[in-house]
Amino acid sequence: MFRKQIAIDLGTANTLVFVQSRGIVINEPSVVAIDTVKDKIIAIGSAAKKYIGKTPQHICTVRPLRDGVIADFDATSAMITYFLQKSLEGWNRIKPDVIMCVPPQITEVERRAVVDAAIQAGAKGVKLIAEPVAAAIGAGLPVLDPVGNMVVDIGGGTTDMAIITLGSMANARSLRLAGDAMTSAIQRYLHEVCHMLIGENMAEKIKITLGSVVPLPLPLTMEISGKDSTTGNPKTITITDAQVRDALQPIAEKIVENVTGILETAAPELGVDIMQRGILLTGGGALLRGLDEAIQKTTGMPVTVDPEPLTTVLRGAGLTLGEQDRYQDMLFAS
């Protein structure tokens, strides 16, 4: 009864930690900086993100997760250990029970990797919960009732969507296009169209400042600096929201196409429920201006964005910590 219980949303872009009775205590980038000469980790999380694009040759920054799953096991385990140490006093004396959020269509091998990484980091017991399910719980949807609830969670590495009823996912799919793909698309667009090279952090800032799916009421512009791809010299230009929209359009269209696809495979009764209740958008990608409008226009379904979309998944996982018997059918282990 003295064991700590925590929930972790181990995301491609950010990792969030929820401690029972304390709430969300960690929200930091999923980045690790490594000294390759000494084979030593020198920074994790927010500190490591500051290194991106500014490191000497012997230091590299890595994102241990790719497309929502573990790409670098040792770095992931080290990152979880760091966040456990930071969020729990005495964590090494009383190992915590952990609930980890994962994409809905994760493979058995990928599940095992998540569980093993958490145990190696110091967890006592590990259970998993699908991210759209956790998001639905976090948003207060009646997931245990015989009614259809649809969630689209647009994270850093994946866009996960599911139709949930009676405590289970009736339909689910994961699309490996989300926030990181949008950031890369902006970098690629500026390289190909403006002959300019920019770093990941600058591209992310552009996405947040100018990103949209539909024309904005008032046009936006932003002055950015980078490197001329032809001369190698420093370069400063002004870009518009219309240019960024062009860069993001293919990704937005693919997300909308998949939302339409999952609706087409849903049972008619569930489709009626969703028509009445609407589609919930969560995750950082839900903040992309006009995405909700584009989904609503294409599907004909009402669409809402969670008031705090960046934390919806973790809030839901956190709610299950004290009611695991109630949500037991939604929790699983490898």
C-alpha atoms as a PDB file:
ATOM      1  CA  MET A   1       0.000   0.000   0.000  1.00  0.00           C
ATOM      2  CA  PHE A   2       3.063   2.239   0.274  1.00  0.00           C
ATOM      3  CA  ARG A   3       4.041   1.726  -3.358  1.00  0.00           C
ATOM      4  CA  LYS A   4       3.983   4.775  -5.589  1.00  0.00           C
ATOM      5  CA  GLN A   5       1.681   4.698  -8.614  1.00  0.00           C
ATOM      6  CA  ILE A   6       2.497   6.777 -11.653  1.00  0.00           C
ATOM      7  CA  ALA A   7       1.407   7.128 -15.275  1.00  0.00           C
ATOM      8  CA  ILE A   8       3.781   7.977 -18.111  1.00  0.00           C
ATOM      9  CA  ASP A   9       2.880   9.279 -21.562  1.00  0.00           C
ATOM     10  CA  LEU A  10       6.082   8.311 -23.349  1.00  0.00           C
ATOM     11  CA  GLY A  11       5.740  10.373 -26.511  1.00  0.00           C
ATOM     12  CA  THR A  12       7.907  10.820 -29.564  1.00  0.00           C
ATOM     13  CA  ALA A  13       8.059  14.571 -28.959  1.00  0.00           C
ATOM     14  CA  ASN A  14       7.418  14.922 -25.217  1.00  0.00           C
ATOM     15  CA  THR A  15       7.270  12.729 -22.122  1.00  0.00           C
ATOM     16  CA  LEU A  16       4.761  13.522 -19.373  1.00  0.00           C
ATOM     17  CA  VAL A  17       4.605  11.953 -15.917  1.00  0.00           C
ATOM     18  CA  PHE A  18       1.580  11.837 -13.590  1.00  0.00           C
ATOM     19  CA  VAL A  19       2.074  10.930  -9.918  1.00  0.00           C
ATOM     20  CA  GLN A  20      -0.991   9.789  -8.007  1.00  0.00           C
ATOM     21  CA  SER A  21      -2.217  12.446  -5.542  1.00  0.00           C
ATOM     22  CA  ARG A  22       0.130  15.036  -7.097  1.00  0.00           C
ATOM     23  CA  GLY A  23      -0.972  15.250 -10.726  1.00  0.00           C
ATOM     24  CA  ILE A  24       1.305  16.052 -13.684  1.00  0.00           C
ATOM     25  CA  VAL A  25       4.856  16.632 -12.449  1.00  0.00           C
ATOM     26  CA  ILE A  26       6.914  16.243 -15.658  1.00  0.00           C
ATOM     27  CA  ASN A  27       6.366  17.612 -19.167  1.00  0.00           C
ATOM     28  CA  GLU A  28       9.654  17.658 -21.055  1.00  0.00           C
ATOM     29  CA  PRO A  29      10.955  16.890 -24.570  1.00  0.00           C
ATOM     30  CA  SER A  30      11.836  13.258 -25.303  1.00  0.00           C
ATOM     31  CA  VAL A  31      15.445  14.088 -26.167  1.00  0.00           C
ATOM     32  CA  VAL A  32      18.756  12.693 -24.948  1.00  0.00           C
ATOM     33  CA  ALA A  33      22.206  14.274 -25.516  1.00  0.00           C
ATOM     34  CA  ILE A  34      25.105  11.821 -25.693  1.00  0.00           C
ATOM     35  CA  ASP A  35      28.884  12.307 -25.598  1.00  0.00           C
ATOM     36  CA  THR A  36      29.913   9.741 -28.212  1.00  0.00           C
ATOM     37  CA  VAL A  37      33.601   9.790 -27.204  1.00  0.00           C
ATOM     38  CA  LYS A  38      32.937   8.975 -23.547  1.00  0.00           C
ATOM     39  CA  ASP A  39      29.786   6.988 -24.423  1.00  0.00           C
ATOM     40  CA  LYS A  40      27.968   8.943 -21.733  1.00  0.00           C
ATOM     41  CA  ILE A  41      24.576  10.665 -21.504  1.00  0.00           C
ATOM     42  CA  ILE A  42      25.125  14.322 -20.601  1.00  0.00           C
ATOM     43  CA  ALA A  43      21.589  15.764 -20.727  1.00  0.00           C
ATOM     44  CA  ILE A  44      17.973  14.609 -20.913  1.00  0.00           C
ATOM     45  CA  GLY A  45      14.671  16.371 -21.564  1.00  0.00           C
ATOM     46  CA  SER A  46      14.519  20.170 -21.678  1.00  0.00           C
ATOM     47  CA  ALA A  47      18.268  20.504 -21.144  1.00  0.00           C
ATOM     48  CA  ALA A  48      19.002  18.140 -24.043  1.00  0.00           C
ATOM     49  CA  LYS A  49      16.639  19.938 -26.427  1.00  0.00           C
ATOM     50  CA  LYS A  50      18.734  23.096 -26.111  1.00  0.00           C
ATOM     51  CA  TYR A  51      21.624  21.141 -27.668  1.00  0.00           C
ATOM     52  CA  ILE A  52      19.765  20.359 -30.916  1.00  0.00           C
ATOM     53  CA  GLY A  53      21.598  21.849 -33.892  1.00  0.00           C
ATOM     54  CA  LYS A  54      24.307  23.373 -31.678  1.00  0.00           C
ATOM     55  CA  THR A  55      26.537  20.457 -30.674  1.00  0.00           C
ATOM     56  CA  PRO A  56      30.211  19.789 -31.451  1.00  0.00           C
ATOM     57  CA  GLN A  57      31.069  16.633 -33.376  1.00  0.00           C
ATOM     58  CA  HIS A  58      31.501  14.428 -30.297  1.00  0.00           C
ATOM     59  CA  ILE A  59      28.024  15.212 -28.929  1.00  0.00           C
ATOM     60  CA  CYS A  60      24.801  14.063 -30.587  1.00  0.00           C
ATOM     61  CA  THR A  61      21.162  14.519 -29.684  1.00  0.00           C
ATOM     62  CA  VAL A  62      18.754  11.633 -30.182  1.00  0.00           C
ATOM     63  CA  ARG A  63      15.037  11.097 -29.873  1.00  0.00           C
ATOM     64  CA  PRO A  64      14.786   7.608 -28.330  1.00  0.00           C
ATOM     65  CA  LEU A  65      11.283   7.097 -29.712  1.00  0.00           C
ATOM     66  CA  ARG A  66      10.275   7.134 -33.350  1.00  0.00           C
ATOM     67  CA  ASP A  67       6.705   6.971 -34.638  1.00  0.00           C
ATOM     68  CA  GLY A  68       5.436   6.357 -31.121  1.00  0.00           C
ATOM     69  CA  VAL A  69       7.634   3.315 -30.388  1.00  0.00           C
ATOM     70  CA  ILE A  70      11.103   2.735 -28.960  1.00  0.00           C
ATOM     71  CA  ALA A  71      13.936   3.198 -31.453  1.00  0.00           C
ATOM     72  CA  ASP A  72      16.821   3.345 -28.930  1.00  0.00           C
ATOM     73  CA  PHE A  73      16.218   1.049 -25.961  1.00  0.00           C
ATOM     74  CA  ASP A  74      19.123   2.165 -23.753  1.00  0.00           C
ATOM     75  CA  ALA A  75      18.412   5.868 -24.256  1.00  0.00           C
ATOM     76  CA  THR A  76      14.711   5.290 -23.539  1.00  0.00           C
ATOM     77  CA  SER A  77      15.485   3.409 -20.321  1.00  0.00           C
ATOM     78  CA  ALA A  78      17.881   6.156 -19.226  1.00  0.00           C
ATOM     79  CA  MET A  79      15.267   8.793 -19.985  1.00  0.00           C
ATOM     80  CA  ILE A  80      12.574   6.990 -17.956  1.00  0.00           C
ATOM     81  CA  THR A  81      15.054   6.551 -15.077  1.00  0.00           C
ATOM     82  CA  TYR A  82      15.830  10.276 -15.139  1.00  0.00           C
ATOM     83  CA  PHE A  83      12.160  11.244 -15.070  1.00  0.00           C
ATOM     84  CA  LEU A  84      11.455   8.760 -12.240  1.00  0.00           C
ATOM     85  CA  GLN A  85      14.280  10.255 -10.196  1.00  0.00           C
ATOM     86  CA  LYS A  86      13.023  13.749 -10.891  1.00  0.00           C
ATOM     87  CA  SER A  87       9.381  13.040 -10.037  1.00  0.00           C
ATOM     88  CA  LEU A  88       9.609  10.586  -7.120  1.00  0.00           C
ATOM     89  CA  GLU A  89      11.546  11.044  -3.891  1.00  0.00           C
ATOM     90  CA  GLY A  90      12.837   7.736  -2.626  1.00  0.00           C
ATOM     91  CA  TRP A  91      11.861   6.065  -5.900  1.00  0.00           C
ATOM     92  CA  ASN A  92      14.744   3.556  -5.644  1.00  0.00           C
ATOM     93  CA  ARG A  93      13.576   2.361  -2.215  1.00  0.00           C
ATOM     94  CA  ILE A  94       9.947   1.781  -3.147  1.00  0.00           C
ATOM     95  CA  LYS A  95       9.684   0.919  -6.820  1.00  0.00           C
ATOM     96  CA  PRO A  96       6.569   2.375  -8.467  1.00  0.00           C
ATOM     97  CA  ASP A  97       3.784   0.653 -10.342  1.00  0.00           C
ATOM     98  CA  VAL A  98       3.538   2.286 -13.758  1.00  0.00           C
ATOM     99  CA  ILE A  99       0.880   2.682 -16.421  1.00  0.00           C
ATOM    100  CA  MET A 100       2.387   3.532 -19.834  1.00  0.00           C
ATOM    101  CA  CYS A 101       0.460   5.075 -22.739  1.00  0.00           C
ATOM    102  CA  VAL A 102       1.089   3.445 -26.136  1.00  0.00           C
ATOM    103  CA  PRO A 103      -0.309   3.635 -29.700  1.00  0.00           C
ATOM    104  CA  PRO A 104      -3.380   1.406 -30.249  1.00  0.00           C
ATOM    105  CA  GLN A 105      -1.816  -0.756 -32.954  1.00  0.00           C
ATOM    106  CA  ILE A 106       1.547  -1.345 -31.278  1.00  0.00           C
ATOM    107  CA  THR A 107       3.012  -4.811 -31.977  1.00  0.00           C
ATOM    108  CA  GLU A 108       3.715  -7.424 -29.323  1.00  0.00           C
ATOM    109  CA  VAL A 109       7.473  -6.857 -29.740  1.00  0.00           C
ATOM    110  CA  GLU A 110       7.017  -3.111 -29.322  1.00  0.00           C
ATOM    111  CA  ARG A 111       4.850  -3.671 -26.230  1.00  0.00           C
ATOM    112  CA  ARG A 112       7.549  -5.860 -24.704  1.00  0.00           C
ATOM    113  CA  ALA A 113      10.181  -3.195 -25.383  1.00  0.00           C
ATOM    114  CA  VAL A 114       8.124  -0.555 -23.538  1.00  0.00           C
ATOM    115  CA  VAL A 115       7.567  -2.835 -20.532  1.00  0.00           C
ATOM    116  CA  ASP A 116      11.229  -3.929 -20.419  1.00  0.00           C
ATOM    117  CA  ALA A 117      12.475  -0.330 -20.644  1.00  0.00           C
ATOM    118  CA  ALA A 118      10.251   0.736 -17.744  1.00  0.00           C
ATOM    119  CA  ILE A 119      11.296  -2.235 -15.591  1.00  0.00           C
ATOM    120  CA  GLN A 120      14.965  -1.622 -16.333  1.00  0.00           C
ATOM    121  CA  ALA A 121      14.414   1.985 -15.303  1.00  0.00           C
ATOM    122  CA  GLY A 122      13.093   0.896 -11.897  1.00  0.00           C
ATOM    123  CA  ALA A 123       9.367   0.168 -12.253  1.00  0.00           C
ATOM    124  CA  LYS A 124       7.957  -2.715 -10.197  1.00  0.00           C
ATOM    125  CA  GLY A 125       4.897  -3.510 -12.305  1.00  0.00           C
ATOM    126  CA  VAL A 126       3.913  -2.150 -15.707  1.00  0.00           C
ATOM    127  CA  LYS A 127       0.558  -1.991 -17.459  1.00  0.00           C
ATOM    128  CA  LEU A 128      -0.212  -0.392 -20.804  1.00  0.00           C
ATOM    129  CA  ILE A 129      -3.143   1.659 -22.055  1.00  0.00           C
ATOM    130  CA  ALA A 130      -3.912   2.705 -25.630  1.00  0.00           C
ATOM    131  CA  GLU A 131      -3.491   6.456 -26.088  1.00  0.00           C
ATOM    132  CA  PRO A 132      -6.950   7.143 -27.624  1.00  0.00           C
ATOM    133  CA  VAL A 133      -8.573   5.233 -24.756  1.00  0.00           C
ATOM    134  CA  ALA A 134      -6.604   7.231 -22.190  1.00  0.00           C
ATOM    135  CA  ALA A 135      -7.547  10.437 -24.028  1.00  0.00           C
ATOM    136  CA  ALA A 136     -11.243   9.516 -23.917  1.00  0.00           C
ATOM    137  CA  ILE A 137     -11.031   8.900 -20.167  1.00  0.00           C
ATOM    138  CA  GLY A 138      -9.125  12.142 -19.680  1.00  0.00           C
ATOM    139  CA  ALA A 139     -11.781  14.070 -21.595  1.00  0.00           C
ATOM    140  CA  GLY A 140     -14.550  12.596 -19.444  1.00  0.00           C
ATOM    141  CA  LEU A 141     -16.218  10.565 -22.200  1.00  0.00           C
ATOM    142  CA  PRO A 142     -18.485   7.678 -21.076  1.00  0.00           C
ATOM    143  CA  VAL A 143     -16.106   4.975 -22.300  1.00  0.00           C
ATOM    144  CA  LEU A 144     -17.737   2.186 -20.263  1.00  0.00           C
ATOM    145  CA  ASP A 145     -21.252   2.848 -21.570  1.00  0.00           C
ATOM    146  CA  PRO A 146     -22.836   1.234 -24.673  1.00  0.00           C
ATOM    147  CA  VAL A 147     -22.309   4.374 -26.744  1.00  0.00           C
ATOM    148  CA  GLY A 148     -19.814   5.237 -29.475  1.00  0.00           C
ATOM    149  CA  ASN A 149     -17.048   7.735 -28.639  1.00  0.00           C
ATOM    150  CA  MET A 150     -14.465   8.765 -31.237  1.00  0.00           C
ATOM    151  CA  VAL A 151     -11.059  10.212 -30.387  1.00  0.00           C
ATOM    152  CA  VAL A 152      -8.311  11.411 -32.729  1.00  0.00           C
ATOM    153  CA  ASP A 153      -5.026  11.933 -30.859  1.00  0.00           C
ATOM    154  CA  ILE A 154      -2.398  13.762 -32.936  1.00  0.00           C
ATOM    155  CA  GLY A 155       0.922  13.455 -31.152  1.00  0.00           C
ATOM    156  CA  GLY A 156       4.512  13.907 -32.240  1.00  0.00           C
ATOM    157  CA  GLY A 157       5.144  10.606 -34.012  1.00  0.00           C
ATOM    158  CA  THR A 158       1.686   9.160 -34.650  1.00  0.00           C
ATOM    159  CA  THR A 159      -1.913  10.123 -35.189  1.00  0.00           C
ATOM    160  CA  ASP A 160      -3.942   7.556 -33.263  1.00  0.00           C
ATOM    161  CA  MET A 161      -7.684   7.281 -33.708  1.00  0.00           C
ATOM    162  CA  ALA A 162     -10.267   4.969 -32.207  1.00  0.00           C
ATOM    163  CA  ILE A 163     -13.977   4.441 -31.761  1.00  0.00           C
ATOM    164  CA  ILE A 164     -14.565   3.315 -28.173  1.00  0.00           C
ATOM    165  CA  THR A 165     -17.608   1.630 -26.651  1.00  0.00           C
ATOM    166  CA  LEU A 166     -18.226  -0.592 -23.613  1.00  0.00           C
ATOM    167  CA  GLY A 167     -14.639  -0.247 -22.437  1.00  0.00           C
ATOM    168  CA  SER A 168     -13.063  -1.430 -25.705  1.00  0.00           C
ATOM    169  CA  MET A 169     -11.922  -0.115 -29.059  1.00  0.00           C
ATOM    170  CA  ALA A 170     -14.415  -1.128 -31.738  1.00  0.00           C
ATOM    171  CA  ASN A 171     -12.223   0.374 -34.470  1.00  0.00           C
ATOM    172  CA  ALA A 172      -8.682   1.764 -34.279  1.00  0.00           C
ATOM    173  CA  ARG A 173      -5.816   2.776 -36.505  1.00  0.00           C
ATOM    174  CA  SER A 174      -2.455   4.525 -36.220  1.00  0.00           C
ATOM    175  CA  LEU A 175      -1.040   6.820 -38.871  1.00  0.00           C
ATOM    176  CA  ARG A 176       2.685   7.496 -38.692  1.00  0.00           C
ATOM    177  CA  LEU A 177       2.179  11.107 -39.688  1.00  0.00           C
ATOM    178  CA  ALA A 178       1.790  13.724 -36.972  1.00  0.00           C
ATOM    179  CA  GLY A 179       3.567  16.702 -35.417  1.00  0.00           C
ATOM    180  CA  ASP A 180       7.132  15.663 -36.260  1.00  0.00           C
ATOM    181  CA  ALA A 181       6.169  15.018 -39.884  1.00  0.00           C
ATOM    182  CA  MET A 182       4.696  18.536 -40.028  1.00  0.00           C
ATOM    183  CA  THR A 183       7.949  19.987 -38.686  1.00  0.00           C
ATOM    184  CA  SER A 184       9.967  18.057 -41.279  1.00  0.00           C
ATOM    185  CA  ALA A 185       7.571  19.164 -44.040  1.00  0.00           C
ATOM    186  CA  ILE A 186       8.257  22.818 -43.199  1.00  0.00           C
ATOM    187  CA  GLN A 187      12.010  22.214 -43.322  1.00  0.00           C
ATOM    188  CA  ARG A 188      11.675  20.441 -46.666  1.00  0.00           C
ATOM    189  CA  TYR A 189       9.453  23.171 -48.129  1.00  0.00           C
ATOM    190  CA  LEU A 190      11.882  25.947 -47.194  1.00  0.00           C
ATOM    191  CA  HIS A 191      14.765  23.972 -48.646  1.00  0.00           C
ATOM    192  CA  GLU A 192      13.031  23.212 -51.929  1.00  0.00           C
ATOM    193  CA  VAL A 193      11.121  26.464 -52.471  1.00  0.00           C
ATOM    194  CA  CYS A 194      13.144  29.102 -50.623  1.00  0.00           C
ATOM    195  CA  HIS A 195      16.583  27.444 -50.879  1.00  0.00           C
ATOM    196  CA  MET A 196      16.994  27.813 -47.137  1.00  0.00           C
ATOM    197  CA  LEU A 197      18.141  25.398 -44.458  1.00  0.00           C
ATOM    198  CA  ILE A 198      16.719  25.684 -40.940  1.00  0.00           C
ATOM    199  CA  GLY A 199      16.973  23.585 -37.801  1.00  0.00           C
ATOM    200  CA  GLU A 200      14.309  21.488 -36.134  1.00  0.00           C
ATOM    201  CA  ASN A 201      13.658  24.007 -33.357  1.00  0.00           C
ATOM    202  CA  MET A 202      13.104  26.848 -35.838  1.00  0.00           C
ATOM    203  CA  ALA A 203      10.766  24.689 -37.940  1.00  0.00           C
ATOM    204  CA  GLU A 204       8.751  23.810 -34.841  1.00  0.00           C
ATOM    205  CA  LYS A 205       8.468  27.489 -33.941  1.00  0.00           C
ATOM    206  CA  ILE A 206       7.199  28.248 -37.460  1.00  0.00           C
ATOM    207  CA  LYS A 207       4.615  25.452 -37.179  1.00  0.00           C
ATOM    208  CA  ILE A 208       3.282  26.827 -33.904  1.00  0.00           C
ATOM    209  CA  THR A 209       3.289  30.468 -35.030  1.00  0.00           C
ATOM    210  CA  LEU A 210       2.004  30.172 -38.611  1.00  0.00           C
ATOM    211  CA  GLY A 211       0.600  26.650 -39.000  1.00  0.00           C
ATOM    212  CA  SER A 212      -2.920  26.302 -40.378  1.00  0.00           C
ATOM    213  CA  VAL A 213      -5.067  24.109 -42.605  1.00  0.00           C
ATOM    214  CA  VAL A 214      -7.559  26.730 -43.809  1.00  0.00           C
ATOM    215  CA  PRO A 215      -6.984  30.398 -44.772  1.00  0.00           C
ATOM    216  CA  LEU A 216      -6.792  32.628 -41.702  1.00  0.00           C
ATOM    217  CA  PRO A 217      -9.020  35.694 -41.169  1.00  0.00           C
ATOM    218  CA  LEU A 218      -5.890  37.831 -40.853  1.00  0.00           C
ATOM    219  CA  PRO A 219      -2.731  36.768 -42.743  1.00  0.00           C
ATOM    220  CA  LEU A 220       0.340  36.113 -40.583  1.00  0.00           C
ATOM    221  CA  THR A 221       4.021  36.560 -41.374  1.00  0.00           C
ATOM    222  CA  MET A 222       7.233  35.664 -39.584  1.00  0.00           C
ATOM    223  CA  GLU A 223      10.872  36.616 -40.115  1.00  0.00           C
ATOM    224  CA  ILE A 224      13.159  33.612 -39.902  1.00  0.00           C
ATOM    225  CA  SER A 225      16.900  33.046 -40.117  1.00  0.00           C
ATOM    226  CA  GLY A 226      18.823  30.106 -41.470  1.00  0.00           C
ATOM    227  CA  LYS A 227      21.424  29.200 -44.056  1.00  0.00           C
ATOM    228  CA  ASP A 228      21.261  29.707 -47.818  1.00  0.00           C
ATOM    229  CA  SER A 229      21.360  26.197 -49.299  1.00  0.00           C
ATOM    230  CA  THR A 230      23.216  27.379 -52.425  1.00  0.00           C
ATOM    231  CA  THR A 231      25.868  29.679 -50.937  1.00  0.00           C
ATOM    232  CA  GLY A 232      26.068  28.452 -47.359  1.00  0.00           C
ATOM    233  CA  ASN A 233      25.787  32.023 -46.088  1.00  0.00           C
ATOM    234  CA  PRO A 234      23.428  33.152 -43.290  1.00  0.00           C
ATOM    235  CA  LYS A 235      20.043  34.171 -44.656  1.00  0.00           C
ATOM    236  CA  THR A 236      16.935  35.924 -43.324  1.00  0.00           C
ATOM    237  CA  ILE A 237      13.558  35.877 -45.048  1.00  0.00           C
ATOM    238  CA  THR A 238       9.914  36.572 -44.257  1.00  0.00           C
ATOM    239  CA  ILE A 239       7.460  33.721 -44.735  1.00  0.00           C
ATOM    240  CA  THR A 240       3.656  33.715 -44.669  1.00  0.00           C
ATOM    241  CA  ASP A 241       0.981  31.457 -43.224  1.00  0.00           C
ATOM    242  CA  ALA A 242      -0.013  30.580 -46.810  1.00  0.00           C
ATOM    243  CA  GLN A 243       3.442  29.122 -47.474  1.00  0.00           C
ATOM    244  CA  VAL A 244       3.353  27.061 -44.286  1.00  0.00           C
ATOM    245  CA  ARG A 245      -0.167  25.899 -45.176  1.00  0.00           C
ATOM    246  CA  ASP A 246       1.147  24.638 -48.520  1.00  0.00           C
ATOM    247  CA  ALA A 247       3.844  22.682 -46.693  1.00  0.00           C
ATOM    248  CA  LEU A 248       1.402  21.105 -44.239  1.00  0.00           C
ATOM    249  CA  GLN A 249      -1.498  20.436 -46.616  1.00  0.00           C
ATOM    250  CA  PRO A 250      -0.497  16.886 -47.696  1.00  0.00           C
ATOM    251  CA  ILE A 251      -0.189  15.732 -44.076  1.00  0.00           C
ATOM    252  CA  ALA A 252      -3.473  17.341 -43.030  1.00  0.00           C
ATOM    253  CA  GLU A 253      -5.228  15.746 -45.987  1.00  0.00           C
ATOM    254  CA  LYS A 254      -3.869  12.313 -45.039  1.00  0.00           C
ATOM    255  CA  ILE A 255      -5.105  12.704 -41.459  1.00  0.00           C
ATOM    256  CA  VAL A 256      -8.572  13.739 -42.656  1.00  0.00           C
ATOM    257  CA  GLU A 257      -8.607  10.834 -45.124  1.00  0.00           C
ATOM    258  CA  ASN A 258      -7.890   8.333 -42.334  1.00  0.00           C
ATOM    259  CA  VAL A 259     -10.528   9.823 -40.056  1.00  0.00           C
ATOM    260  CA  THR A 260     -13.021   9.344 -42.892  1.00  0.00           C
ATOM    261  CA  GLY A 261     -11.755   5.802 -43.403  1.00  0.00           C
ATOM    262  CA  ILE A 262     -12.291   4.690 -39.818  1.00  0.00           C
ATOM    263  CA  LEU A 263     -15.789   6.175 -39.846  1.00  0.00           C
ATOM    264  CA  GLU A 264     -16.625   4.216 -43.002  1.00  0.00           C
ATOM    265  CA  THR A 265     -15.719   0.929 -41.270  1.00  0.00           C
ATOM    266  CA  ALA A 266     -17.712   1.687 -38.103  1.00  0.00           C
ATOM    267  CA  ALA A 267     -20.995  -0.060 -37.339  1.00  0.00           C
ATOM    268  CA  PRO A 268     -24.022   2.056 -38.314  1.00  0.00           C
ATOM    269  CA  GLU A 269     -25.171   2.381 -34.693  1.00  0.00           C
ATOM    270  CA  LEU A 270     -21.772   3.690 -33.637  1.00  0.00           C
ATOM    271  CA  GLY A 271     -21.794   6.118 -36.551  1.00  0.00           C
ATOM    272  CA  VAL A 272     -25.113   7.510 -35.330  1.00  0.00           C
ATOM    273  CA  ASP A 273     -23.667   7.983 -31.830  1.00  0.00           C
ATOM    274  CA  ILE A 274     -20.647   9.838 -33.218  1.00  0.00           C
ATOM    275  CA  MET A 275     -22.884  12.043 -35.333  1.00  0.00           C
ATOM    276  CA  GLN A 276     -24.723  13.033 -32.160  1.00  0.00           C
ATOM    277  CA  ARG A 277     -21.690  13.252 -29.852  1.00  0.00           C
ATOM    278  CA  GLY A 278     -18.987  14.394 -32.249  1.00  0.00           C
ATOM    279  CA  ILE A 279     -15.291  13.644 -32.719  1.00  0.00           C
ATOM    280  CA  LEU A 280     -12.781  14.698 -30.060  1.00  0.00           C
ATOM    281  CA  LEU A 281      -9.337  15.960 -31.117  1.00  0.00           C
ATOM    282  CA  THR A 282      -6.437  15.736 -28.651  1.00  0.00           C
ATOM    283  CA  GLY A 283      -2.647  15.987 -28.762  1.00  0.00           C
ATOM    284  CA  GLY A 284      -0.439  18.849 -29.887  1.00  0.00           C
ATOM    285  CA  GLY A 285      -1.557  18.471 -33.512  1.00  0.00           C
ATOM    286  CA  ALA A 286      -5.125  19.303 -32.459  1.00  0.00           C
ATOM    287  CA  LEU A 287      -3.907  22.898 -32.026  1.00  0.00           C
ATOM    288  CA  LEU A 288      -3.197  23.245 -35.757  1.00  0.00           C
ATOM    289  CA  ARG A 289      -5.521  26.028 -36.840  1.00  0.00           C
ATOM    290  CA  GLY A 290      -8.480  24.872 -38.897  1.00  0.00           C
ATOM    291  CA  LEU A 291      -7.836  21.115 -38.652  1.00  0.00           C
ATOM    292  CA  ASP A 292     -11.058  20.608 -36.712  1.00  0.00           C
ATOM    293  CA  GLU A 293     -12.892  22.619 -39.354  1.00  0.00           C
ATOM    294  CA  ALA A 294     -11.397  20.529 -42.174  1.00  0.00           C
ATOM    295  CA  ILE A 295     -12.381  17.245 -40.493  1.00  0.00           C
ATOM    296  CA  GLN A 296     -15.897  18.506 -39.817  1.00  0.00           C
ATOM    297  CA  LYS A 297     -16.352  19.693 -43.409  1.00  0.00           C
ATOM    298  CA  THR A 298     -15.192  16.370 -44.885  1.00  0.00           C
ATOM    299  CA  THR A 299     -16.935  13.963 -42.510  1.00  0.00           C
ATOM    300  CA  GLY A 300     -20.073  15.955 -41.747  1.00  0.00           C
ATOM    301  CA  MET A 301     -19.517  15.153 -38.057  1.00  0.00           C
ATOM    302  CA  PRO A 302     -19.239  17.765 -35.286  1.00  0.00           C
ATOM    303  CA  VAL A 303     -15.628  18.124 -34.079  1.00  0.00           C
ATOM    304  CA  THR A 304     -14.334  19.549 -30.827  1.00  0.00           C
ATOM    305  CA  VAL A 305     -10.802  20.143 -29.506  1.00  0.00           C
ATOM    306  CA  ASP A 306     -10.088  19.234 -25.897  1.00  0.00           C
ATOM    307  CA  PRO A 307      -9.478  22.389 -23.805  1.00  0.00           C
ATOM    308  CA  GLU A 308      -6.036  21.061 -22.775  1.00  0.00           C
ATOM    309  CA  PRO A 309      -5.112  18.746 -25.657  1.00  0.00           C
ATOM    310  CA  LEU A 310      -1.430  18.376 -24.725  1.00  0.00           C
ATOM    311  CA  THR A 311      -2.258  16.571 -21.485  1.00  0.00           C
ATOM    312  CA  THR A 312      -5.518  14.738 -22.256  1.00  0.00           C
ATOM    313  CA  VAL A 313      -3.877  11.321 -22.668  1.00  0.00           C
ATOM    314  CA  LEU A 314      -1.883  11.524 -19.452  1.00  0.00           C
ATOM    315  CA  ARG A 315      -4.812  12.886 -17.444  1.00  0.00           C
ATOM    316  CA  GLY A 316      -6.814   9.836 -18.507  1.00  0.00           C
ATOM    317  CA  ALA A 317      -4.026   7.425 -17.606  1.00  0.00           C
ATOM    318  CA  GLY A 318      -3.708   9.213 -14.276  1.00  0.00           C
ATOM    319  CA  LEU A 319      -7.404   8.712 -13.555  1.00  0.00           C
ATOM    320  CA  THR A 320      -7.028   4.952 -13.989  1.00  0.00           C
ATOM    321  CA  LEU A 321      -4.368   4.752 -11.260  1.00  0.00           C
ATOM    322  CA  GLY A 322      -6.919   4.917  -8.470  1.00  0.00           C
ATOM    323  CA  GLU A 323      -9.616   2.931 -10.286  1.00  0.00           C
ATOM    324  CA  GLN A 324      -7.791   0.047 -11.934  1.00  0.00           C
ATOM    325  CA  ASP A 325     -10.609  -2.369 -11.130  1.00  0.00           C
ATOM    326  CA  ARG A 326     -13.065  -0.147 -12.980  1.00  0.00           C
ATOM    327  CA  TYR A 327     -10.818   0.232 -16.019  1.00  0.00           C
ATOM    328  CA  GLN A 328      -9.192  -3.210 -15.889  1.00  0.00           C
ATOM    329  CA  ASP A 329     -10.432  -4.210 -19.350  1.00  0.00           C
ATOM    330  CA  MET A 330      -8.655  -1.168 -20.822  1.00  0.00           C
ATOM    331  CA  LEU A 331      -5.301  -1.975 -19.212  1.00  0.00           C
ATOM    332  CA  PHE A 332      -3.024  -4.684 -20.542  1.00  0.00           C
ATOM    333  CA  ALA A 333       0.557  -5.908 -20.268  1.00  0.00           C
ATOM    334  CA  SER A 334       2.878  -7.572 -22.737  1.00  0.00           C
END
